[in-house]
All heavy atoms as atom14 arrays in JSON, in Angstrom:
{
  "sequence": "RILDVLDTEPTVSSPAEPVRELPPRVTLELRDAG",
  "atom14_mask": [
    [1, 1, 1, 1, 1, 1, 1, 1, 1, 1, 1, 0, 0, 0],
    [1, 1, 1, 1, 1, 1, 1, 1, 0, 0, 0, 0, 0, 0],
    [1, 1, 1, 1, 1, 1, 1, 1, 0, 0, 0, 0, 0, 0],
    [1, 1, 1, 1, 1, 1, 1, 1, 0, 0, 0, 0, 0, 0],
    [1, 1, 1, 1, 1, 1, 1, 0, 0, 0, 0, 0, 0, 0],
    [1, 1, 1, 1, 1, 1, 1, 1, 0, 0, 0, 0, 0, 0],
    [1, 1, 1, 1, 1, 1, 1, 1, 0, 0, 0, 0, 0, 0],
    [1, 1, 1, 1, 1, 1, 1, 0, 0, 0, 0, 0, 0, 0],
    [1, 1, 1, 1, 1, 1, 1, 1, 1, 0, 0, 0, 0, 0],
    [1, 1, 1, 1, 1, 1, 1, 0, 0, 0, 0, 0, 0, 0],
    [1, 1, 1, 1, 1, 1, 1, 0, 0, 0, 0, 0, 0, 0],
    [1, 1, 1, 1, 1, 1, 1, 0, 0, 0, 0, 0, 0, 0],
    [1, 1, 1, 1, 1, 1, 0, 0, 0, 0, 0, 0, 0, 0],
    [1, 1, 1, 1, 1, 1, 0, 0, 0, 0, 0, 0, 0, 0],
    [1, 1, 1, 1, 1, 1, 1, 0, 0, 0, 0, 0, 0, 0],
    [1, 1, 1, 1, 1, 0, 0, 0, 0, 0, 0, 0, 0, 0],
    [1, 1, 1, 1, 1, 1, 1, 1, 1, 0, 0, 0, 0, 0],
    [1, 1, 1, 1, 1, 1, 1, 0, 0, 0, 0, 0, 0, 0],
    [1, 1, 1, 1, 1, 1, 1, 0, 0, 0, 0, 0, 0, 0],
    [1, 1, 1, 1, 1, 1, 1, 1, 1, 1, 1, 0, 0, 0],
    [1, 1, 1, 1, 1, 1, 1, 1, 1, 0, 0, 0, 0, 0],
    [1, 1, 1, 1, 1, 1, 1, 1, 0, 0, 0, 0, 0, 0],
    [1, 1, 1, 1, 1, 1, 1, 0, 0, 0, 0, 0, 0, 0],
    [1, 1, 1, 1, 1, 1, 1, 0, 0, 0, 0, 0, 0, 0],
    [1, 1, 1, 1, 1, 1, 1, 1, 1, 1, 1, 0, 0, 0],
    [1, 1, 1, 1, 1, 1, 1, 0, 0, 0, 0, 0, 0, 0],
    [1, 1, 1, 1, 1, 1, 1, 0, 0, 0, 0, 0, 0, 0],
    [1, 1, 1, 1, 1, 1, 1, 1, 0, 0, 0, 0, 0, 0],
    [1, 1, 1, 1, 1, 1, 1, 1, 1, 0, 0, 0, 0, 0],
    [1, 1, 1, 1, 1, 1, 1, 1, 0, 0, 0, 0, 0, 0],
    [1, 1, 1, 1, 1, 1, 1, 1, 1, 1, 1, 0, 0, 0],
    [1, 1, 1, 1, 1, 1, 1, 1, 0, 0, 0, 0, 0, 0],
    [1, 1, 1, 1, 1, 0, 0, 0, 0, 0, 0, 0, 0, 0],
    [1, 1, 1, 1, 0, 0, 0, 0, 0, 0, 0, 0, 0, 0]
  ],
  "atom14_positions": [
    [[43.75, -147.66, -79.03], [44.64, -147.35, -80.21], [44.65, -145.81, -80.51], [45.69, -145.27, -80.82], [44.09, -148.13, -81.44], [44.38, -149.6, -81.35], [43.46, -150.37, -82.21], [43.49, -149.89, -83.65], [44.45, -150.27, -84.56], [45.35, -151.2, -84.22], [44.38, -149.8, -85.76], [0.0, 0.0, 0.0], [0.0, 0.0, 0.0], [0.0, 0.0, 0.0]],
    [[43.57, -145.16, -80.37], [43.52, -143.73, -80.55], [44.28, -142.99, -79.51], [45.18, -142.16, -79.79], [42.05, -143.17, -80.51], [41.32, -143.67, -81.89], [42.0, -141.65, -80.51], [39.85, -143.52, -81.79], [0.0, 0.0, 0.0], [0.0, 0.0, 0.0], [0.0, 0.0, 0.0], [0.0, 0.0, 0.0], [0.0, 0.0, 0.0], [0.0, 0.0, 0.0]],
    [[44.14, -143.44, -78.27], [44.79, -142.76, -77.13], [46.26, -143.04, -77.21], [47.1, -142.25, -76.72], [44.26, -143.16, -75.88], [42.86, -142.47, -75.54], [42.26, -142.97, -74.28], [42.98, -140.99, -75.35], [0.0, 0.0, 0.0], [0.0, 0.0, 0.0], [0.0, 0.0, 0.0], [0.0, 0.0, 0.0], [0.0, 0.0, 0.0], [0.0, 0.0, 0.0]],
    [[46.69, -144.14, -77.79], [48.12, -144.53, -77.88], [48.75, -143.42, -78.74], [49.9, -143.02, -78.43], [48.28, -145.81, -78.61], [48.1, -147.01, -77.69], [48.01, -146.73, -76.44], [47.85, -148.13, -78.09], [0.0, 0.0, 0.0], [0.0, 0.0, 0.0], [0.0, 0.0, 0.0], [0.0, 0.0, 0.0], [0.0, 0.0, 0.0], [0.0, 0.0, 0.0]],
    [[48.09, -142.97, -79.77], [48.64, -141.88, -80.59], [48.56, -140.56, -79.83], [49.61, -139.74, -79.89], [47.86, -141.82, -81.97], [48.38, -140.61, -82.86], [47.92, -143.14, -82.76], [0.0, 0.0, 0.0], [0.0, 0.0, 0.0], [0.0, 0.0, 0.0], [0.0, 0.0, 0.0], [0.0, 0.0, 0.0], [0.0, 0.0, 0.0], [0.0, 0.0, 0.0]],
    [[47.47, -140.26, -79.27], [47.25, -138.92, -78.62], [48.26, -138.81, -77.45], [48.7, -137.59, -77.12], [45.86, -138.72, -78.15], [44.78, -138.72, -79.39], [43.4, -138.52, -78.75], [45.05, -137.52, -80.29], [0.0, 0.0, 0.0], [0.0, 0.0, 0.0], [0.0, 0.0, 0.0], [0.0, 0.0, 0.0], [0.0, 0.0, 0.0], [0.0, 0.0, 0.0]],
    [[48.54, -139.85, -76.76], [49.35, -139.78, -75.57], [50.84, -139.91, -75.83], [51.74, -139.79, -74.97], [48.93, -140.97, -74.61], [47.58, -140.71, -74.0], [47.05, -139.55, -74.02], [47.05, -141.68, -73.48], [0.0, 0.0, 0.0], [0.0, 0.0, 0.0], [0.0, 0.0, 0.0], [0.0, 0.0, 0.0], [0.0, 0.0, 0.0], [0.0, 0.0, 0.0]],
    [[51.22, -140.15, -77.15], [52.6, -140.3, -77.51], [53.28, -138.93, -77.58], [52.85, -138.07, -78.35], [52.71, -141.09, -78.81], [52.25, -142.39, -78.67], [54.24, -141.16, -79.2], [0.0, 0.0, 0.0], [0.0, 0.0, 0.0], [0.0, 0.0, 0.0], [0.0, 0.0, 0.0], [0.0, 0.0, 0.0], [0.0, 0.0, 0.0], [0.0, 0.0, 0.0]],
    [[54.26, -138.69, -76.8], [55.07, -137.45, -76.88], [56.23, -137.61, -77.91], [56.95, -138.6, -77.94], [55.76, -137.12, -75.49], [54.69, -136.78, -74.46], [54.0, -135.39, -74.76], [54.6, -134.61, -75.44], [52.84, -135.39, -74.32], [0.0, 0.0, 0.0], [0.0, 0.0, 0.0], [0.0, 0.0, 0.0], [0.0, 0.0, 0.0], [0.0, 0.0, 0.0]],
    [[56.22, -136.69, -78.9], [57.3, -136.77, -79.98], [58.64, -136.69, -79.27], [58.92, -135.85, -78.33], [56.93, -135.56, -80.89], [56.17, -134.58, -79.99], [55.39, -135.41, -79.1], [0.0, 0.0, 0.0], [0.0, 0.0, 0.0], [0.0, 0.0, 0.0], [0.0, 0.0, 0.0], [0.0, 0.0, 0.0], [0.0, 0.0, 0.0], [0.0, 0.0, 0.0]],
    [[59.59, -137.51, -79.86], [61.0, -137.48, -79.3], [61.75, -136.25, -79.78], [62.7, -135.87, -79.28], [61.67, -138.75, -79.82], [61.63, -138.77, -81.24], [61.11, -139.98, -79.15], [0.0, 0.0, 0.0], [0.0, 0.0, 0.0], [0.0, 0.0, 0.0], [0.0, 0.0, 0.0], [0.0, 0.0, 0.0], [0.0, 0.0, 0.0], [0.0, 0.0, 0.0]],
    [[61.23, -135.59, -80.91], [61.83, -134.38, -81.41], [60.85, -133.24, -81.11], [59.76, -133.14, -81.59], [62.08, -134.43, -82.9], [62.62, -133.19, -83.45], [63.1, -135.55, -83.19], [0.0, 0.0, 0.0], [0.0, 0.0, 0.0], [0.0, 0.0, 0.0], [0.0, 0.0, 0.0], [0.0, 0.0, 0.0], [0.0, 0.0, 0.0], [0.0, 0.0, 0.0]],
    [[61.33, -132.24, -80.31], [60.53, -131.04, -80.05], [61.45, -129.94, -79.59], [62.73, -130.12, -79.36], [59.65, -131.38, -78.74], [60.38, -131.74, -77.67], [0.0, 0.0, 0.0], [0.0, 0.0, 0.0], [0.0, 0.0, 0.0], [0.0, 0.0, 0.0], [0.0, 0.0, 0.0], [0.0, 0.0, 0.0], [0.0, 0.0, 0.0], [0.0, 0.0, 0.0]],
    [[60.94, -128.69, -79.63], [61.74, -127.57, -79.39], [62.12, -127.51, -77.88], [61.33, -127.95, -76.94], [60.96, -126.22, -79.68], [60.66, -126.16, -81.06], [0.0, 0.0, 0.0], [0.0, 0.0, 0.0], [0.0, 0.0, 0.0], [0.0, 0.0, 0.0], [0.0, 0.0, 0.0], [0.0, 0.0, 0.0], [0.0, 0.0, 0.0], [0.0, 0.0, 0.0]],
    [[63.37, -127.17, -77.53], [63.81, -127.09, -76.12], [62.98, -126.0, -75.38], [62.29, -125.09, -75.97], [65.25, -126.7, -76.22], [65.37, -125.97, -77.57], [64.37, -126.68, -78.47], [0.0, 0.0, 0.0], [0.0, 0.0, 0.0], [0.0, 0.0, 0.0], [0.0, 0.0, 0.0], [0.0, 0.0, 0.0], [0.0, 0.0, 0.0], [0.0, 0.0, 0.0]],
    [[63.14, -125.95, -74.1], [62.45, -125.0, -73.3], [62.7, -123.58, -73.64], [61.87, -122.73, -73.58], [62.68, -125.26, -71.83], [0.0, 0.0, 0.0], [0.0, 0.0, 0.0], [0.0, 0.0, 0.0], [0.0, 0.0, 0.0], [0.0, 0.0, 0.0], [0.0, 0.0, 0.0], [0.0, 0.0, 0.0], [0.0, 0.0, 0.0], [0.0, 0.0, 0.0]],
    [[64.0, -123.34, -73.88], [64.48, -121.9, -74.22], [65.26, -122.06, -75.55], [66.49, -122.04, -75.51], [65.3, -121.31, -73.13], [64.52, -121.1, -71.86], [65.41, -120.48, -70.73], [66.58, -120.21, -70.99], [64.83, -120.24, -69.59], [0.0, 0.0, 0.0], [0.0, 0.0, 0.0], [0.0, 0.0, 0.0], [0.0, 0.0, 0.0], [0.0, 0.0, 0.0]],
    [[64.62, -122.08, -76.63], [65.15, -122.31, -77.93], [65.92, -121.08, -78.49], [65.49, -119.92, -78.14], [64.14, -122.78, -78.85], [62.89, -122.16, -78.35], [63.11, -121.99, -76.86], [0.0, 0.0, 0.0], [0.0, 0.0, 0.0], [0.0, 0.0, 0.0], [0.0, 0.0, 0.0], [0.0, 0.0, 0.0], [0.0, 0.0, 0.0], [0.0, 0.0, 0.0]],
    [[66.84, -121.3, -79.35], [67.45, -120.2, -80.18], [66.47, -119.87, -81.29], [66.13, -120.84, -82.05], [68.8, -120.64, -80.67], [69.33, -119.49, -81.56], [69.74, -120.88, -79.54], [0.0, 0.0, 0.0], [0.0, 0.0, 0.0], [0.0, 0.0, 0.0], [0.0, 0.0, 0.0], [0.0, 0.0, 0.0], [0.0, 0.0, 0.0], [0.0, 0.0, 0.0]],
    [[65.98, -118.63, -81.45], [65.05, -118.33, -82.43], [65.5, -117.49, -83.58], [64.73, -117.1, -84.44], [63.87, -117.53, -81.64], [63.17, -118.38, -80.63], [62.09, -117.59, -79.96], [61.43, -118.39, -78.91], [60.5, -119.31, -79.01], [60.08, -119.7, -80.24], [60.07, -119.88, -77.94], [0.0, 0.0, 0.0], [0.0, 0.0, 0.0], [0.0, 0.0, 0.0]],
    [[66.79, -117.04, -83.64], [67.32, -116.25, -84.59], [68.53, -116.91, -85.32], [69.35, -117.53, -84.58], [67.77, -114.93, -84.07], [66.51, -114.07, -83.61], [67.04, -112.68, -83.15], [68.17, -112.38, -83.28], [66.11, -111.99, -82.61], [0.0, 0.0, 0.0], [0.0, 0.0, 0.0], [0.0, 0.0, 0.0], [0.0, 0.0, 0.0], [0.0, 0.0, 0.0]],
    [[68.57, -116.81, -86.58], [69.64, -117.31, -87.42], [70.2, -116.25, -88.39], [69.3, -115.41, -88.87], [69.27, -118.5, -88.22], [69.06, -119.89, -87.39], [68.51, -120.94, -88.31], [70.38, -120.34, -86.72], [0.0, 0.0, 0.0], [0.0, 0.0, 0.0], [0.0, 0.0, 0.0], [0.0, 0.0, 0.0], [0.0, 0.0, 0.0], [0.0, 0.0, 0.0]],
    [[71.37, -116.17, -88.69], [71.9, -115.18, -89.69], [71.35, -115.46, -91.04], [70.84, -116.62, -91.31], [73.44, -115.3, -89.65], [73.61, -116.7, -89.12], [72.55, -116.99, -88.11], [0.0, 0.0, 0.0], [0.0, 0.0, 0.0], [0.0, 0.0, 0.0], [0.0, 0.0, 0.0], [0.0, 0.0, 0.0], [0.0, 0.0, 0.0], [0.0, 0.0, 0.0]],
    [[71.43, -114.52, -91.96], [70.8, -114.7, -93.33], [71.47, -115.86, -94.07], [70.76, -116.66, -94.78], [71.06, -113.39, -94.08], [71.2, -112.42, -93.01], [71.8, -113.17, -91.84], [0.0, 0.0, 0.0], [0.0, 0.0, 0.0], [0.0, 0.0, 0.0], [0.0, 0.0, 0.0], [0.0, 0.0, 0.0], [0.0, 0.0, 0.0], [0.0, 0.0, 0.0]],
    [[72.75, -115.96, -93.9], [73.52, -117.11, -94.62], [74.14, -117.97, -93.46], [74.85, -117.51, -92.68], [74.59, -116.59, -95.5], [74.0, -115.77, -96.67], [75.11, -115.05, -97.44], [76.01, -115.91, -98.12], [75.81, -116.4, -99.34], [74.69, -116.22, -99.88], [76.67, -117.23, -99.89], [0.0, 0.0, 0.0], [0.0, 0.0, 0.0], [0.0, 0.0, 0.0]],
    [[73.82, -119.24, -93.56], [74.33, -120.25, -92.5], [75.22, -121.29, -93.11], [75.11, -121.64, -94.25], [73.08, -120.86, -91.71], [72.19, -119.75, -91.12], [72.25, -121.68, -92.79], [0.0, 0.0, 0.0], [0.0, 0.0, 0.0], [0.0, 0.0, 0.0], [0.0, 0.0, 0.0], [0.0, 0.0, 0.0], [0.0, 0.0, 0.0], [0.0, 0.0, 0.0]],
    [[75.86, -121.91, -92.14], [76.76, -123.11, -92.49], [76.15, -124.26, -91.84], [75.73, -124.26, -90.7], [78.2, -122.75, -91.97], [78.82, -121.64, -92.63], [79.02, -124.01, -92.29], [0.0, 0.0, 0.0], [0.0, 0.0, 0.0], [0.0, 0.0, 0.0], [0.0, 0.0, 0.0], [0.0, 0.0, 0.0], [0.0, 0.0, 0.0], [0.0, 0.0, 0.0]],
    [[76.12, -125.39, -92.59], [75.66, -126.64, -92.16], [76.93, -127.5, -91.82], [77.84, -127.65, -92.67], [74.85, -127.43, -93.03], [74.48, -128.81, -92.73], [73.63, -128.87, -91.46], [73.78, -129.53, -93.89], [0.0, 0.0, 0.0], [0.0, 0.0, 0.0], [0.0, 0.0, 0.0], [0.0, 0.0, 0.0], [0.0, 0.0, 0.0], [0.0, 0.0, 0.0]],
    [[77.01, -128.09, -90.6], [78.11, -128.95, -90.21], [77.73, -130.08, -89.44], [76.85, -129.95, -88.55], [79.11, -128.06, -89.4], [80.41, -128.81, -89.04], [81.41, -128.05, -88.31], [81.03, -126.88, -88.03], [82.42, -128.6, -87.81], [0.0, 0.0, 0.0], [0.0, 0.0, 0.0], [0.0, 0.0, 0.0], [0.0, 0.0, 0.0], [0.0, 0.0, 0.0]],
    [[78.25, -131.25, -89.78], [78.01, -132.5, -88.97], [79.4, -132.89, -88.36], [80.42, -132.99, -88.98], [77.53, -133.68, -89.95], [76.01, -133.79, -90.08], [75.5, -132.53, -90.97], [75.57, -135.09, -90.7], [0.0, 0.0, 0.0], [0.0, 0.0, 0.0], [0.0, 0.0, 0.0], [0.0, 0.0, 0.0], [0.0, 0.0, 0.0], [0.0, 0.0, 0.0]],
    [[79.34, -133.14, -87.1], [80.55, -133.56, -86.31], [80.3, -134.98, -85.73], [79.52, -135.14, -84.8], [80.82, -132.54, -85.3], [81.19, -131.16, -85.74], [81.47, -130.2, -84.5], [81.74, -128.89, -84.95], [81.81, -127.83, -84.07], [81.71, -128.09, -82.71], [82.1, -126.69, -84.45], [0.0, 0.0, 0.0], [0.0, 0.0, 0.0], [0.0, 0.0, 0.0]],
    [[81.0, -135.98, -86.33], [80.94, -137.32, -85.82], [79.54, -137.83, -85.58], [79.18, -138.47, -84.63], [81.75, -137.49, -84.58], [83.24, -137.32, -84.72], [83.67, -137.76, -85.89], [83.93, -136.67, -83.95], [0.0, 0.0, 0.0], [0.0, 0.0, 0.0], [0.0, 0.0, 0.0], [0.0, 0.0, 0.0], [0.0, 0.0, 0.0], [0.0, 0.0, 0.0]],
    [[78.61, -137.38, -86.57], [77.21, -137.74, -86.39], [76.98, -139.25, -86.61], [77.57, -139.88, -87.49], [76.39, -136.93, -87.35], [0.0, 0.0, 0.0], [0.0, 0.0, 0.0], [0.0, 0.0, 0.0], [0.0, 0.0, 0.0], [0.0, 0.0, 0.0], [0.0, 0.0, 0.0], [0.0, 0.0, 0.0], [0.0, 0.0, 0.0], [0.0, 0.0, 0.0]],
    [[76.1, -139.72, -85.75], [75.69, -141.2, -85.91], [74.21, -141.35, -85.6], [73.68, -140.53, -84.76], [0.0, 0.0, 0.0], [0.0, 0.0, 0.0], [0.0, 0.0, 0.0], [0.0, 0.0, 0.0], [0.0, 0.0, 0.0], [0.0, 0.0, 0.0], [0.0, 0.0, 0.0], [0.0, 0.0, 0.0], [0.0, 0.0, 0.0], [0.0, 0.0, 0.0]]
  ]
}
């Protein structure tokens, strides 16, 4: 049971080459999100 947790890879993680900078003021937008 312990190793089940330790071996589980999260489905949400940073990409290999992520974007690391955002402007001071940002816009949030959802496009046909489901």
